[in-house]
Amino acid sequence: MKKTLFLSAAAAVLALAGTSCSSENDQPMPGNGNNVSFRVSLPEELQSRALGDGLQALELSYAVYASDDANHEVLRSGSATFQNLHTTVNFSLPKGKKYDIIFWAQNPDAPYTFSAENRNVTIDYEAGYTEENDAFSYVLKNFAITTATSQTVTLKRPFAQLNIGTTDYDMADMLGLKVTQTAVTVKDVYTQFNFMDGEQGDVAKD
């Protein structure tokens, strides 16, 4: 019976997803607001081999916008650090309005740049991809504020996944071919992705 070997890599291609310390960079807001608390979680399956490691995506960035604001002014922005796959962010927002909120988690040393002002993320492919450079995101749209509230948000991996399979593993093994490393070149991938409208940036150079 032939063996089938599957090599799986979460390719860094923008597919166009406990208590902690946190910080905020807020714009002045009018009174009559309500406190909002978000328990932000990375996927519970993150520690399984099927989903990959990804445990270095410890830095959370978030940004809040009024849903009806055509200028997309940043009303709230800040950061937090995950502990045991969870973190919590708290802020106040005026009630009676709806908001769009972006959540983005990454390894602080990963080659991604999150821009709250531009509502996008940019990737530097020259840095290469490893599981340590994993990232996760979630966009909450039209979030209504009527009273103080708390909500759980689970981030998802926003990358395409490339699976490579082979049906001749047994033959290669019999012939003494030991595969210890593989490489794949992916062309025409985008370097930037807008969370809100899906607009894509320039194509990466070969």
N, C-alpha and C. Protein backbone atom coordinates (compact mmCIF):
# COMPACT_ATOMS: atom_id res chain seq x y z
N MET A 1 0.85 -1.20 0.00
CA MET A 1 0.00 0.00 0.00
C MET A 1 0.88 1.25 0.00
N LYS A 2 0.60 2.13 -0.94
CA LYS A 2 1.42 3.33 -1.05
C LYS A 2 1.11 4.32 0.05
N LYS A 3 2.15 4.96 0.50
CA LYS A 3 1.96 6.05 1.44
C LYS A 3 1.73 7.34 0.66
N THR A 4 1.00 8.25 1.22
CA THR A 4 0.83 9.57 0.62
C THR A 4 1.34 10.59 1.61
N LEU A 5 2.29 11.38 1.16
CA LEU A 5 2.91 12.38 2.03
C LEU A 5 2.35 13.74 1.67
N PHE A 6 1.80 14.41 2.65
CA PHE A 6 1.27 15.75 2.43
C PHE A 6 2.13 16.75 3.17
N LEU A 7 2.61 17.73 2.46
CA LEU A 7 3.38 18.82 3.05
C LEU A 7 2.48 20.04 3.07
N SER A 8 2.23 20.57 4.22
CA SER A 8 1.30 21.69 4.35
C SER A 8 2.03 22.93 4.83
N ALA A 9 1.78 24.02 4.17
CA ALA A 9 2.40 25.29 4.59
C ALA A 9 1.35 26.37 4.53
N ALA A 10 1.23 27.13 5.60
CA ALA A 10 0.33 28.29 5.59
C ALA A 10 1.08 29.41 4.88
N ALA A 11 0.98 29.45 3.57
CA ALA A 11 1.75 30.39 2.77
C ALA A 11 1.35 31.81 3.11
N ALA A 12 2.33 32.68 3.21
CA ALA A 12 2.06 34.06 3.58
C ALA A 12 1.57 34.83 2.37
N VAL A 13 0.36 34.49 1.91
CA VAL A 13 -0.25 35.15 0.78
C VAL A 13 -1.52 35.81 1.30
N LEU A 14 -1.66 37.10 1.14
CA LEU A 14 -2.84 37.78 1.62
C LEU A 14 -4.03 37.31 0.82
N ALA A 15 -5.01 36.68 1.49
CA ALA A 15 -6.16 36.11 0.83
C ALA A 15 -7.30 37.12 0.86
N LEU A 16 -7.36 37.64 -0.28
CA LEU A 16 -8.21 38.77 -0.63
C LEU A 16 -9.44 38.50 -1.46
N ALA A 17 -8.96 37.19 9.57
CA ALA A 17 -9.27 36.38 10.47
C ALA A 17 -8.43 36.69 11.50
N GLY A 18 -6.54 35.21 28.69
CA GLY A 18 -6.16 35.68 30.05
C GLY A 18 -6.13 37.20 30.17
N THR A 19 -5.78 37.73 30.99
CA THR A 19 -5.66 39.17 31.18
C THR A 19 -4.35 39.62 30.56
N SER A 20 -4.32 40.80 30.08
CA SER A 20 -3.11 41.25 29.43
C SER A 20 -2.96 42.75 29.59
N CYS A 21 -1.77 43.22 29.26
CA CYS A 21 -1.53 44.66 29.24
C CYS A 21 -2.05 45.22 27.94
N SER A 22 -2.57 46.41 27.95
CA SER A 22 -3.08 47.02 26.73
C SER A 22 -2.80 48.51 26.76
N SER A 23 -2.83 49.12 25.59
CA SER A 23 -2.64 50.56 25.48
C SER A 23 -3.57 51.10 24.42
N GLU A 24 -3.91 52.37 24.53
CA GLU A 24 -4.83 52.98 23.58
C GLU A 24 -4.28 54.31 23.09
N ASN A 25 -4.68 54.63 21.87
CA ASN A 25 -4.36 55.93 21.29
C ASN A 25 -5.68 56.48 20.76
N ASP A 26 -6.45 57.16 21.60
CA ASP A 26 -7.82 57.53 21.28
C ASP A 26 -7.94 58.98 20.87
N GLN A 27 -8.93 59.20 19.99
CA GLN A 27 -9.33 60.55 19.67
C GLN A 27 -10.32 61.02 20.75
N PRO A 28 -10.39 62.34 21.05
CA PRO A 28 -11.37 62.82 22.02
C PRO A 28 -12.78 62.46 21.57
N MET A 29 -13.59 61.99 22.53
CA MET A 29 -14.94 61.56 22.21
C MET A 29 -15.94 62.34 23.07
N PRO A 30 -17.15 62.57 22.53
CA PRO A 30 -18.17 63.26 23.33
C PRO A 30 -18.64 62.38 24.47
N GLY A 31 -19.36 62.99 25.41
CA GLY A 31 -19.85 62.23 26.56
C GLY A 31 -20.99 61.30 26.17
N ASN A 32 -21.72 60.84 27.18
CA ASN A 32 -22.86 59.96 26.96
C ASN A 32 -22.43 58.65 26.31
N GLY A 33 -21.27 58.12 26.71
CA GLY A 33 -20.76 56.89 26.13
C GLY A 33 -21.04 55.68 27.00
N ASN A 34 -20.78 54.52 26.44
CA ASN A 34 -20.94 53.26 27.16
C ASN A 34 -19.65 52.47 27.06
N ASN A 35 -19.33 51.76 28.13
CA ASN A 35 -18.14 50.94 28.15
C ASN A 35 -18.34 49.68 27.31
N VAL A 36 -17.34 49.35 26.52
CA VAL A 36 -17.36 48.16 25.68
C VAL A 36 -16.15 47.32 26.03
N SER A 37 -16.37 46.02 26.22
CA SER A 37 -15.28 45.11 26.53
C SER A 37 -15.29 43.97 25.53
N PHE A 38 -14.14 43.73 24.91
CA PHE A 38 -14.01 42.64 23.96
C PHE A 38 -13.00 41.62 24.50
N ARG A 39 -13.44 40.38 24.63
CA ARG A 39 -12.52 39.28 24.92
C ARG A 39 -12.10 38.73 23.56
N VAL A 40 -10.86 38.96 23.20
CA VAL A 40 -10.35 38.58 21.88
C VAL A 40 -9.56 37.29 22.00
N SER A 41 -9.90 36.32 21.17
CA SER A 41 -9.29 34.99 21.28
C SER A 41 -8.67 34.57 19.96
N LEU A 42 -7.53 33.90 20.05
CA LEU A 42 -6.98 33.19 18.91
C LEU A 42 -7.68 31.84 18.85
N PRO A 43 -7.69 31.16 17.69
CA PRO A 43 -8.40 29.88 17.58
C PRO A 43 -7.94 28.87 18.63
N GLU A 44 -8.88 28.21 19.29
CA GLU A 44 -8.53 27.22 20.30
C GLU A 44 -7.75 26.06 19.68
N GLU A 45 -7.97 25.82 18.39
CA GLU A 45 -7.30 24.72 17.70
C GLU A 45 -5.87 25.06 17.33
N LEU A 46 -5.42 26.24 17.72
CA LEU A 46 -4.12 26.75 17.28
C LEU A 46 -2.97 25.83 17.66
N GLN A 47 -3.11 25.12 18.76
CA GLN A 47 -2.02 24.27 19.22
C GLN A 47 -2.04 22.89 18.57
N SER A 48 -3.02 22.63 17.72
CA SER A 48 -3.05 21.33 17.04
C SER A 48 -2.14 21.38 15.83
N ARG A 49 -1.64 20.23 15.45
CA ARG A 49 -0.71 20.16 14.30
C ARG A 49 -1.42 20.52 13.01
N ALA A 50 -2.74 20.27 12.94
CA ALA A 50 -3.48 20.54 11.71
C ALA A 50 -3.52 22.02 11.38
N LEU A 51 -3.56 22.84 12.41
CA LEU A 51 -3.65 24.28 12.18
C LEU A 51 -2.29 24.96 12.20
N GLY A 52 -1.30 24.28 12.70
CA GLY A 52 0.03 24.89 12.76
C GLY A 52 0.30 25.50 14.11
N ASP A 53 1.48 26.04 14.26
CA ASP A 53 1.91 26.59 15.54
C ASP A 53 1.24 27.93 15.79
N GLY A 54 1.79 28.98 15.20
CA GLY A 54 1.14 30.28 15.29
C GLY A 54 1.12 30.92 16.65
N LEU A 55 1.79 30.33 17.62
CA LEU A 55 1.69 30.84 18.98
C LEU A 55 2.52 32.09 19.21
N GLN A 56 3.25 32.53 18.18
CA GLN A 56 4.03 33.76 18.31
C GLN A 56 3.23 35.01 17.93
N ALA A 57 1.98 34.83 17.50
CA ALA A 57 1.12 35.96 17.15
C ALA A 57 0.53 36.56 18.41
N LEU A 58 1.38 37.19 19.20
CA LEU A 58 1.00 37.63 20.55
C LEU A 58 0.55 39.08 20.62
N GLU A 59 0.81 39.86 19.59
CA GLU A 59 0.51 41.30 19.64
C GLU A 59 -0.79 41.59 18.89
N LEU A 60 -1.75 42.16 19.62
CA LEU A 60 -3.04 42.54 19.01
C LEU A 60 -3.07 44.05 18.77
N SER A 61 -3.49 44.44 17.57
CA SER A 61 -3.78 45.84 17.27
C SER A 61 -5.26 45.93 16.90
N TYR A 62 -5.89 47.04 17.28
CA TYR A 62 -7.30 47.22 16.93
C TYR A 62 -7.56 48.68 16.60
N ALA A 63 -8.62 48.90 15.82
CA ALA A 63 -9.01 50.25 15.44
C ALA A 63 -10.52 50.30 15.26
N VAL A 64 -11.11 51.43 15.67
CA VAL A 64 -12.56 51.60 15.66
C VAL A 64 -12.92 52.79 14.78
N TYR A 65 -13.98 52.63 13.96
CA TYR A 65 -14.44 53.67 13.05
C TYR A 65 -15.97 53.75 13.12
N ALA A 66 -16.52 54.93 12.89
CA ALA A 66 -17.97 55.06 12.74
C ALA A 66 -18.38 54.47 11.39
N SER A 67 -19.37 53.61 11.39
CA SER A 67 -19.76 52.91 10.16
C SER A 67 -20.21 53.87 9.07
N ASP A 68 -20.80 55.01 9.46
CA ASP A 68 -21.33 55.95 8.47
C ASP A 68 -20.37 57.08 8.12
N ASP A 69 -19.11 56.97 8.55
CA ASP A 69 -18.13 58.02 8.29
C ASP A 69 -17.36 57.72 7.00
N ALA A 70 -17.64 58.51 5.97
CA ALA A 70 -16.98 58.29 4.68
C ALA A 70 -15.50 58.60 4.73
N ASN A 71 -15.05 59.36 5.73
CA ASN A 71 -13.64 59.71 5.86
C ASN A 71 -12.85 58.67 6.66
N HIS A 72 -13.55 57.73 7.28
CA HIS A 72 -12.92 56.63 8.01
C HIS A 72 -11.96 57.12 9.10
N GLU A 73 -12.39 58.13 9.84
CA GLU A 73 -11.56 58.63 10.93
C GLU A 73 -11.42 57.58 12.02
N VAL A 74 -10.21 57.43 12.53
CA VAL A 74 -9.96 56.47 13.60
C VAL A 74 -10.47 57.06 14.92
N LEU A 75 -11.49 56.42 15.51
CA LEU A 75 -12.05 56.89 16.78
C LEU A 75 -11.33 56.30 17.98
N ARG A 76 -10.93 55.07 17.86
CA ARG A 76 -10.21 54.37 18.91
C ARG A 76 -9.17 53.48 18.26
N SER A 77 -8.00 53.41 18.84
CA SER A 77 -6.99 52.45 18.39
C SER A 77 -6.13 52.08 19.58
N GLY A 78 -5.55 50.92 19.53
CA GLY A 78 -4.72 50.50 20.65
C GLY A 78 -4.11 49.14 20.40
N SER A 79 -3.48 48.60 21.42
CA SER A 79 -2.82 47.31 21.30
C SER A 79 -2.96 46.54 22.61
N ALA A 80 -2.75 45.25 22.55
CA ALA A 80 -2.80 44.39 23.72
C ALA A 80 -1.94 43.17 23.45
N THR A 81 -1.65 42.41 24.49
CA THR A 81 -0.80 41.23 24.37
C THR A 81 -1.58 39.98 24.78
N PHE A 82 -1.51 38.95 23.95
CA PHE A 82 -2.20 37.70 24.26
C PHE A 82 -1.48 36.91 25.34
N GLN A 83 -2.27 36.27 26.19
CA GLN A 83 -1.77 35.29 27.14
C GLN A 83 -2.70 34.10 27.10
N ASN A 84 -2.14 32.91 26.84
CA ASN A 84 -2.94 31.69 26.73
C ASN A 84 -4.06 31.83 25.70
N LEU A 85 -3.72 32.43 24.57
CA LEU A 85 -4.61 32.58 23.41
C LEU A 85 -5.72 33.62 23.60
N HIS A 86 -5.69 34.40 24.70
CA HIS A 86 -6.75 35.37 24.95
C HIS A 86 -6.17 36.71 25.40
N THR A 87 -6.94 37.76 25.12
CA THR A 87 -6.65 39.07 25.67
C THR A 87 -7.95 39.86 25.76
N THR A 88 -7.94 40.97 26.46
CA THR A 88 -9.15 41.78 26.63
C THR A 88 -8.83 43.25 26.34
N VAL A 89 -9.71 43.91 25.60
CA VAL A 89 -9.57 45.34 25.36
C VAL A 89 -10.86 46.03 25.81
N ASN A 90 -10.71 47.18 26.41
CA ASN A 90 -11.84 47.94 26.93
C ASN A 90 -11.75 49.39 26.48
N PHE A 91 -12.89 49.95 26.09
CA PHE A 91 -12.94 51.37 25.76
C PHE A 91 -14.39 51.84 25.84
N SER A 92 -14.60 53.13 25.68
CA SER A 92 -15.94 53.71 25.75
C SER A 92 -16.31 54.31 24.40
N LEU A 93 -17.58 54.10 24.00
CA LEU A 93 -18.08 54.65 22.74
C LEU A 93 -19.46 55.25 22.96
N PRO A 94 -19.77 56.35 22.26
CA PRO A 94 -21.11 56.93 22.38
C PRO A 94 -22.18 55.95 21.90
N LYS A 95 -23.28 55.89 22.61
CA LYS A 95 -24.35 54.99 22.21
C LYS A 95 -25.19 55.59 21.09
N GLY A 96 -26.04 54.77 20.51
CA GLY A 96 -26.91 55.22 19.44
C GLY A 96 -26.25 55.27 18.08
N LYS A 97 -25.02 54.76 17.96
CA LYS A 97 -24.32 54.73 16.67
C LYS A 97 -23.84 53.31 16.38
N LYS A 98 -23.39 53.10 15.15
CA LYS A 98 -22.82 51.82 14.75
C LYS A 98 -21.35 52.01 14.38
N TYR A 99 -20.57 50.98 14.65
CA TYR A 99 -19.12 51.08 14.48
C TYR A 99 -18.57 49.88 13.73
N ASP A 100 -17.46 50.11 13.03
CA ASP A 100 -16.67 49.04 12.40
C ASP A 100 -15.37 48.92 13.20
N ILE A 101 -15.01 47.69 13.53
CA ILE A 101 -13.83 47.47 14.37
C ILE A 101 -12.93 46.42 13.70
N ILE A 102 -11.67 46.77 13.56
CA ILE A 102 -10.66 45.84 13.00
C ILE A 102 -9.81 45.29 14.13
N PHE A 103 -9.61 43.97 14.14
CA PHE A 103 -8.70 43.31 15.07
C PHE A 103 -7.62 42.61 14.25
N TRP A 104 -6.36 42.81 14.61
CA TRP A 104 -5.24 42.20 13.88
C TRP A 104 -4.19 41.72 14.87
N ALA A 105 -3.82 40.44 14.79
CA ALA A 105 -2.82 39.86 15.70
C ALA A 105 -1.66 39.31 14.90
N GLN A 106 -0.43 39.57 15.39
CA GLN A 106 0.76 39.08 14.69
C GLN A 106 1.91 38.95 15.66
N ASN A 107 2.94 38.27 15.21
CA ASN A 107 4.22 38.28 15.90
C ASN A 107 4.79 39.70 15.74
N PRO A 108 5.21 40.34 16.82
CA PRO A 108 5.75 41.70 16.69
C PRO A 108 6.91 41.81 15.71
N ASP A 109 7.63 40.70 15.49
CA ASP A 109 8.78 40.73 14.58
C ASP A 109 8.42 40.29 13.17
N ALA A 110 7.15 39.99 12.92
CA ALA A 110 6.73 39.53 11.60
C ALA A 110 6.77 40.68 10.59
N PRO A 111 6.92 40.37 9.29
CA PRO A 111 7.08 41.42 8.28
C PRO A 111 5.75 42.01 7.81
N TYR A 112 4.86 42.34 8.76
CA TYR A 112 3.58 42.94 8.43
C TYR A 112 3.49 44.32 9.08
N THR A 113 2.85 45.24 8.37
CA THR A 113 2.64 46.58 8.91
C THR A 113 1.15 46.88 8.90
N PHE A 114 0.58 47.00 10.10
CA PHE A 114 -0.84 47.32 10.23
C PHE A 114 -1.01 48.83 10.30
N SER A 115 -1.92 49.36 9.49
CA SER A 115 -2.19 50.80 9.47
C SER A 115 -3.64 51.04 9.83
N ALA A 116 -3.87 51.62 11.03
CA ALA A 116 -5.24 51.95 11.43
C ALA A 116 -5.81 53.05 10.53
N GLU A 117 -4.99 54.03 10.18
CA GLU A 117 -5.45 55.15 9.36
C GLU A 117 -5.90 54.69 7.97
N ASN A 118 -5.17 53.75 7.39
CA ASN A 118 -5.49 53.27 6.04
C ASN A 118 -6.35 52.01 6.05
N ARG A 119 -6.62 51.47 7.23
CA ARG A 119 -7.45 50.28 7.40
C ARG A 119 -6.90 49.08 6.63
N ASN A 120 -5.58 48.96 6.59
CA ASN A 120 -5.00 47.87 5.82
C ASN A 120 -3.77 47.28 6.50
N VAL A 121 -3.26 46.23 5.89
CA VAL A 121 -2.01 45.62 6.33
C VAL A 121 -1.14 45.42 5.11
N THR A 122 0.16 45.65 5.28
CA THR A 122 1.12 45.48 4.19
C THR A 122 2.11 44.40 4.58
N ILE A 123 2.50 43.58 3.61
CA ILE A 123 3.42 42.48 3.87
C ILE A 123 4.69 42.63 3.05
N ASP A 124 5.81 42.30 3.66
CA ASP A 124 7.11 42.32 2.99
C ASP A 124 7.51 40.88 2.71
N TYR A 125 7.35 40.44 1.47
CA TYR A 125 7.64 39.06 1.13
C TYR A 125 9.13 38.74 1.14
N GLU A 126 9.97 39.77 1.07
CA GLU A 126 11.40 39.53 1.07
C GLU A 126 11.86 38.86 2.37
N ALA A 127 11.08 39.04 3.42
CA ALA A 127 11.45 38.46 4.72
C ALA A 127 11.17 36.96 4.78
N GLY A 128 10.43 36.42 3.79
CA GLY A 128 10.13 35.00 3.80
C GLY A 128 9.01 34.68 4.78
N TYR A 129 8.61 33.41 4.83
CA TYR A 129 7.52 33.01 5.71
C TYR A 129 7.91 31.82 6.56
N THR A 130 7.60 31.90 7.83
CA THR A 130 7.72 30.78 8.74
C THR A 130 6.49 30.81 9.64
N GLU A 131 6.27 29.74 10.39
CA GLU A 131 5.13 29.71 11.29
C GLU A 131 5.22 30.80 12.36
N GLU A 132 6.44 31.23 12.67
CA GLU A 132 6.61 32.30 13.64
C GLU A 132 6.00 33.61 13.14
N ASN A 133 5.82 33.73 11.82
CA ASN A 133 5.26 34.94 11.23
C ASN A 133 3.76 34.81 10.96
N ASP A 134 3.10 33.93 11.68
CA ASP A 134 1.67 33.75 11.52
C ASP A 134 0.92 35.01 11.95
N ALA A 135 -0.32 35.15 11.50
CA ALA A 135 -1.13 36.31 11.87
C ALA A 135 -2.61 35.93 11.79
N PHE A 136 -3.44 36.72 12.50
CA PHE A 136 -4.87 36.43 12.56
C PHE A 136 -5.64 37.75 12.58
N SER A 137 -6.89 37.73 12.09
CA SER A 137 -7.65 38.96 12.01
C SER A 137 -9.15 38.70 12.12
N TYR A 138 -9.88 39.80 12.36
CA TYR A 138 -11.35 39.75 12.37
C TYR A 138 -11.85 41.18 12.20
N VAL A 139 -12.91 41.34 11.40
CA VAL A 139 -13.53 42.65 11.21
C VAL A 139 -14.98 42.57 11.67
N LEU A 140 -15.33 43.40 12.63
CA LEU A 140 -16.69 43.47 13.15
C LEU A 140 -17.34 44.72 12.56
N LYS A 141 -18.37 44.53 11.73
CA LYS A 141 -19.01 45.65 11.04
C LYS A 141 -20.38 45.96 11.63
N ASN A 142 -20.72 47.23 11.61
CA ASN A 142 -22.03 47.70 12.06
C ASN A 142 -22.35 47.26 13.48
N PHE A 143 -21.37 47.39 14.35
CA PHE A 143 -21.55 47.03 15.75
C PHE A 143 -22.32 48.15 16.45
N ALA A 144 -23.51 47.84 16.95
CA ALA A 144 -24.38 48.85 17.54
C ALA A 144 -24.12 48.99 19.03
N ILE A 145 -24.08 50.24 19.50
CA ILE A 145 -23.90 50.54 20.92
C ILE A 145 -25.21 51.08 21.48
N THR A 146 -25.82 50.34 22.38
CA THR A 146 -27.03 50.81 23.05
C THR A 146 -26.86 50.85 24.55
N THR A 147 -25.93 50.07 25.06
CA THR A 147 -25.67 50.02 26.49
C THR A 147 -24.28 49.44 26.72
N ALA A 148 -23.79 49.47 27.94
CA ALA A 148 -22.51 48.82 28.23
C ALA A 148 -22.60 47.35 27.86
N THR A 149 -21.58 46.83 27.23
CA THR A 149 -21.66 45.47 26.72
C THR A 149 -20.30 44.80 26.70
N SER A 150 -20.32 43.47 26.65
CA SER A 150 -19.09 42.69 26.48
C SER A 150 -19.36 41.66 25.39
N GLN A 151 -18.32 41.32 24.65
CA GLN A 151 -18.48 40.41 23.53
C GLN A 151 -17.19 39.65 23.29
N THR A 152 -17.33 38.42 22.82
CA THR A 152 -16.16 37.59 22.49
C THR A 152 -15.94 37.60 20.99
N VAL A 153 -14.70 37.78 20.59
CA VAL A 153 -14.31 37.78 19.18
C VAL A 153 -13.21 36.74 18.98
N THR A 154 -13.39 35.86 18.02
CA THR A 154 -12.37 34.86 17.70
C THR A 154 -11.73 35.20 16.37
N LEU A 155 -10.43 35.40 16.37
CA LEU A 155 -9.72 35.77 15.15
C LEU A 155 -9.53 34.55 14.25
N LYS A 156 -9.33 34.83 12.96
CA LYS A 156 -9.11 33.77 11.99
C LYS A 156 -7.87 34.08 11.17
N ARG A 157 -7.24 33.05 10.65
CA ARG A 157 -6.05 33.24 9.81
C ARG A 157 -6.47 33.79 8.45
N PRO A 158 -5.93 34.93 8.01
CA PRO A 158 -6.35 35.54 6.75
C PRO A 158 -5.51 35.13 5.55
N PHE A 159 -4.75 34.07 5.68
CA PHE A 159 -3.84 33.66 4.62
C PHE A 159 -4.41 32.49 3.82
N ALA A 160 -4.01 32.42 2.57
CA ALA A 160 -4.28 31.23 1.77
C ALA A 160 -3.36 30.12 2.26
N GLN A 161 -3.82 28.87 2.17
CA GLN A 161 -2.99 27.75 2.58
C GLN A 161 -2.68 26.89 1.36
N LEU A 162 -1.43 26.58 1.20
CA LEU A 162 -0.96 25.79 0.07
C LEU A 162 -0.61 24.39 0.55
N ASN A 163 -1.29 23.38 -0.01
CA ASN A 163 -1.02 21.98 0.34
C ASN A 163 -0.36 21.27 -0.84
N ILE A 164 0.74 20.60 -0.58
CA ILE A 164 1.46 19.88 -1.63
C ILE A 164 1.42 18.40 -1.30
N GLY A 165 0.97 17.58 -2.26
CA GLY A 165 0.87 16.15 -2.02
C GLY A 165 1.70 15.35 -3.02
N THR A 166 2.10 14.16 -2.63
CA THR A 166 2.83 13.28 -3.52
C THR A 166 2.35 11.85 -3.33
N THR A 167 2.32 11.08 -4.42
CA THR A 167 1.90 9.68 -4.35
C THR A 167 3.05 8.72 -4.59
N ASP A 168 4.28 9.24 -4.70
CA ASP A 168 5.42 8.36 -4.98
C ASP A 168 6.42 8.36 -3.84
N TYR A 169 5.94 8.60 -2.62
CA TYR A 169 6.83 8.63 -1.47
C TYR A 169 7.53 7.29 -1.27
N ASP A 170 6.78 6.19 -1.39
CA ASP A 170 7.37 4.86 -1.20
C ASP A 170 8.47 4.58 -2.22
N MET A 171 8.23 4.96 -3.47
CA MET A 171 9.23 4.73 -4.51
C MET A 171 10.48 5.56 -4.25
N ALA A 172 10.31 6.81 -3.86
CA ALA A 172 11.46 7.66 -3.56
C ALA A 172 12.25 7.10 -2.39
N ASP A 173 11.54 6.60 -1.39
CA ASP A 173 12.21 6.04 -0.22
C ASP A 173 12.99 4.78 -0.59
N MET A 174 12.40 3.95 -1.45
CA MET A 174 13.06 2.73 -1.89
C MET A 174 14.33 3.03 -2.69
N LEU A 175 14.32 4.12 -3.45
CA LEU A 175 15.47 4.51 -4.26
C LEU A 175 16.50 5.30 -3.45
N GLY A 176 16.23 5.50 -2.16
CA GLY A 176 17.19 6.18 -1.31
C GLY A 176 17.10 7.69 -1.35
N LEU A 177 16.01 8.21 -1.92
CA LEU A 177 15.85 9.65 -2.00
C LEU A 177 15.22 10.15 -0.70
N LYS A 178 15.95 10.92 0.04
CA LYS A 178 15.47 11.46 1.30
C LYS A 178 15.21 12.96 1.14
N VAL A 179 13.94 13.31 1.14
CA VAL A 179 13.56 14.72 0.98
C VAL A 179 13.57 15.39 2.35
N THR A 180 14.44 16.35 2.52
CA THR A 180 14.54 17.07 3.80
C THR A 180 14.11 18.51 3.68
N GLN A 181 13.95 19.01 2.46
CA GLN A 181 13.58 20.42 2.28
C GLN A 181 12.86 20.59 0.96
N THR A 182 11.85 21.44 0.95
CA THR A 182 11.14 21.76 -0.28
C THR A 182 11.02 23.27 -0.40
N ALA A 183 10.77 23.73 -1.61
CA ALA A 183 10.60 25.16 -1.84
C ALA A 183 9.54 25.38 -2.90
N VAL A 184 8.76 26.42 -2.74
CA VAL A 184 7.70 26.75 -3.68
C VAL A 184 7.78 28.24 -4.00
N THR A 185 7.62 28.59 -5.25
CA THR A 185 7.58 29.99 -5.67
C THR A 185 6.17 30.34 -6.09
N VAL A 186 5.60 31.35 -5.47
CA VAL A 186 4.25 31.81 -5.79
C VAL A 186 4.35 33.20 -6.38
N LYS A 187 3.75 33.40 -7.55
CA LYS A 187 3.85 34.68 -8.24
C LYS A 187 2.51 35.44 -8.20
N ASP A 188 2.60 36.73 -8.50
CA ASP A 188 1.41 37.59 -8.62
C ASP A 188 0.58 37.63 -7.35
N VAL A 189 1.26 37.77 -6.21
CA VAL A 189 0.55 37.92 -4.94
C VAL A 189 0.57 39.39 -4.53
N TYR A 190 -0.44 39.80 -3.81
CA TYR A 190 -0.58 41.20 -3.44
C TYR A 190 0.22 41.53 -2.18
N THR A 191 0.69 42.74 -2.11
CA THR A 191 1.50 43.18 -0.98
C THR A 191 0.68 43.92 0.07
N GLN A 192 -0.60 44.14 -0.24
CA GLN A 192 -1.41 44.94 0.68
C GLN A 192 -2.87 44.51 0.58
N PHE A 193 -3.58 44.61 1.71
CA PHE A 193 -4.99 44.22 1.73
C PHE A 193 -5.76 45.16 2.63
N ASN A 194 -6.89 45.68 2.12
CA ASN A 194 -7.74 46.56 2.91
C ASN A 194 -8.81 45.72 3.61
N PHE A 195 -8.88 45.83 4.93
CA PHE A 195 -9.79 45.00 5.71
C PHE A 195 -11.25 45.27 5.40
N MET A 196 -11.60 46.52 5.11
CA MET A 196 -13.00 46.90 5.03
C MET A 196 -13.62 46.67 3.66
N ASP A 197 -12.88 46.98 2.59
CA ASP A 197 -13.49 46.85 1.28
C ASP A 197 -12.82 45.79 0.40
N GLY A 198 -11.80 45.11 0.93
CA GLY A 198 -11.15 44.04 0.17
C GLY A 198 -10.24 44.53 -0.93
N GLU A 199 -10.02 45.84 -1.01
CA GLU A 199 -9.16 46.38 -2.06
C GLU A 199 -7.73 45.91 -1.87
N GLN A 200 -7.08 45.54 -2.98
CA GLN A 200 -5.74 44.98 -2.92
C GLN A 200 -4.71 45.99 -3.42
N GLY A 201 -3.50 45.86 -2.90
CA GLY A 201 -2.42 46.75 -3.27
C GLY A 201 -1.63 46.22 -4.45
N ASP A 202 -0.41 46.69 -4.60
CA ASP A 202 0.44 46.27 -5.71
C ASP A 202 0.79 44.80 -5.64
N VAL A 203 1.11 44.25 -6.79
CA VAL A 203 1.56 42.86 -6.86
C VAL A 203 3.04 42.81 -6.51
N ALA A 204 3.43 41.82 -5.72
CA ALA A 204 4.83 41.68 -5.31
C ALA A 204 5.70 41.37 -6.52
N LYS A 205 6.93 41.91 -6.51
CA LYS A 205 7.88 41.62 -7.58
C LYS A 205 8.42 40.21 -7.42
N ASP A 206 8.81 39.59 -8.53
CA ASP A 206 9.37 38.23 -8.49
C ASP A 206 10.68 38.23 -7.72
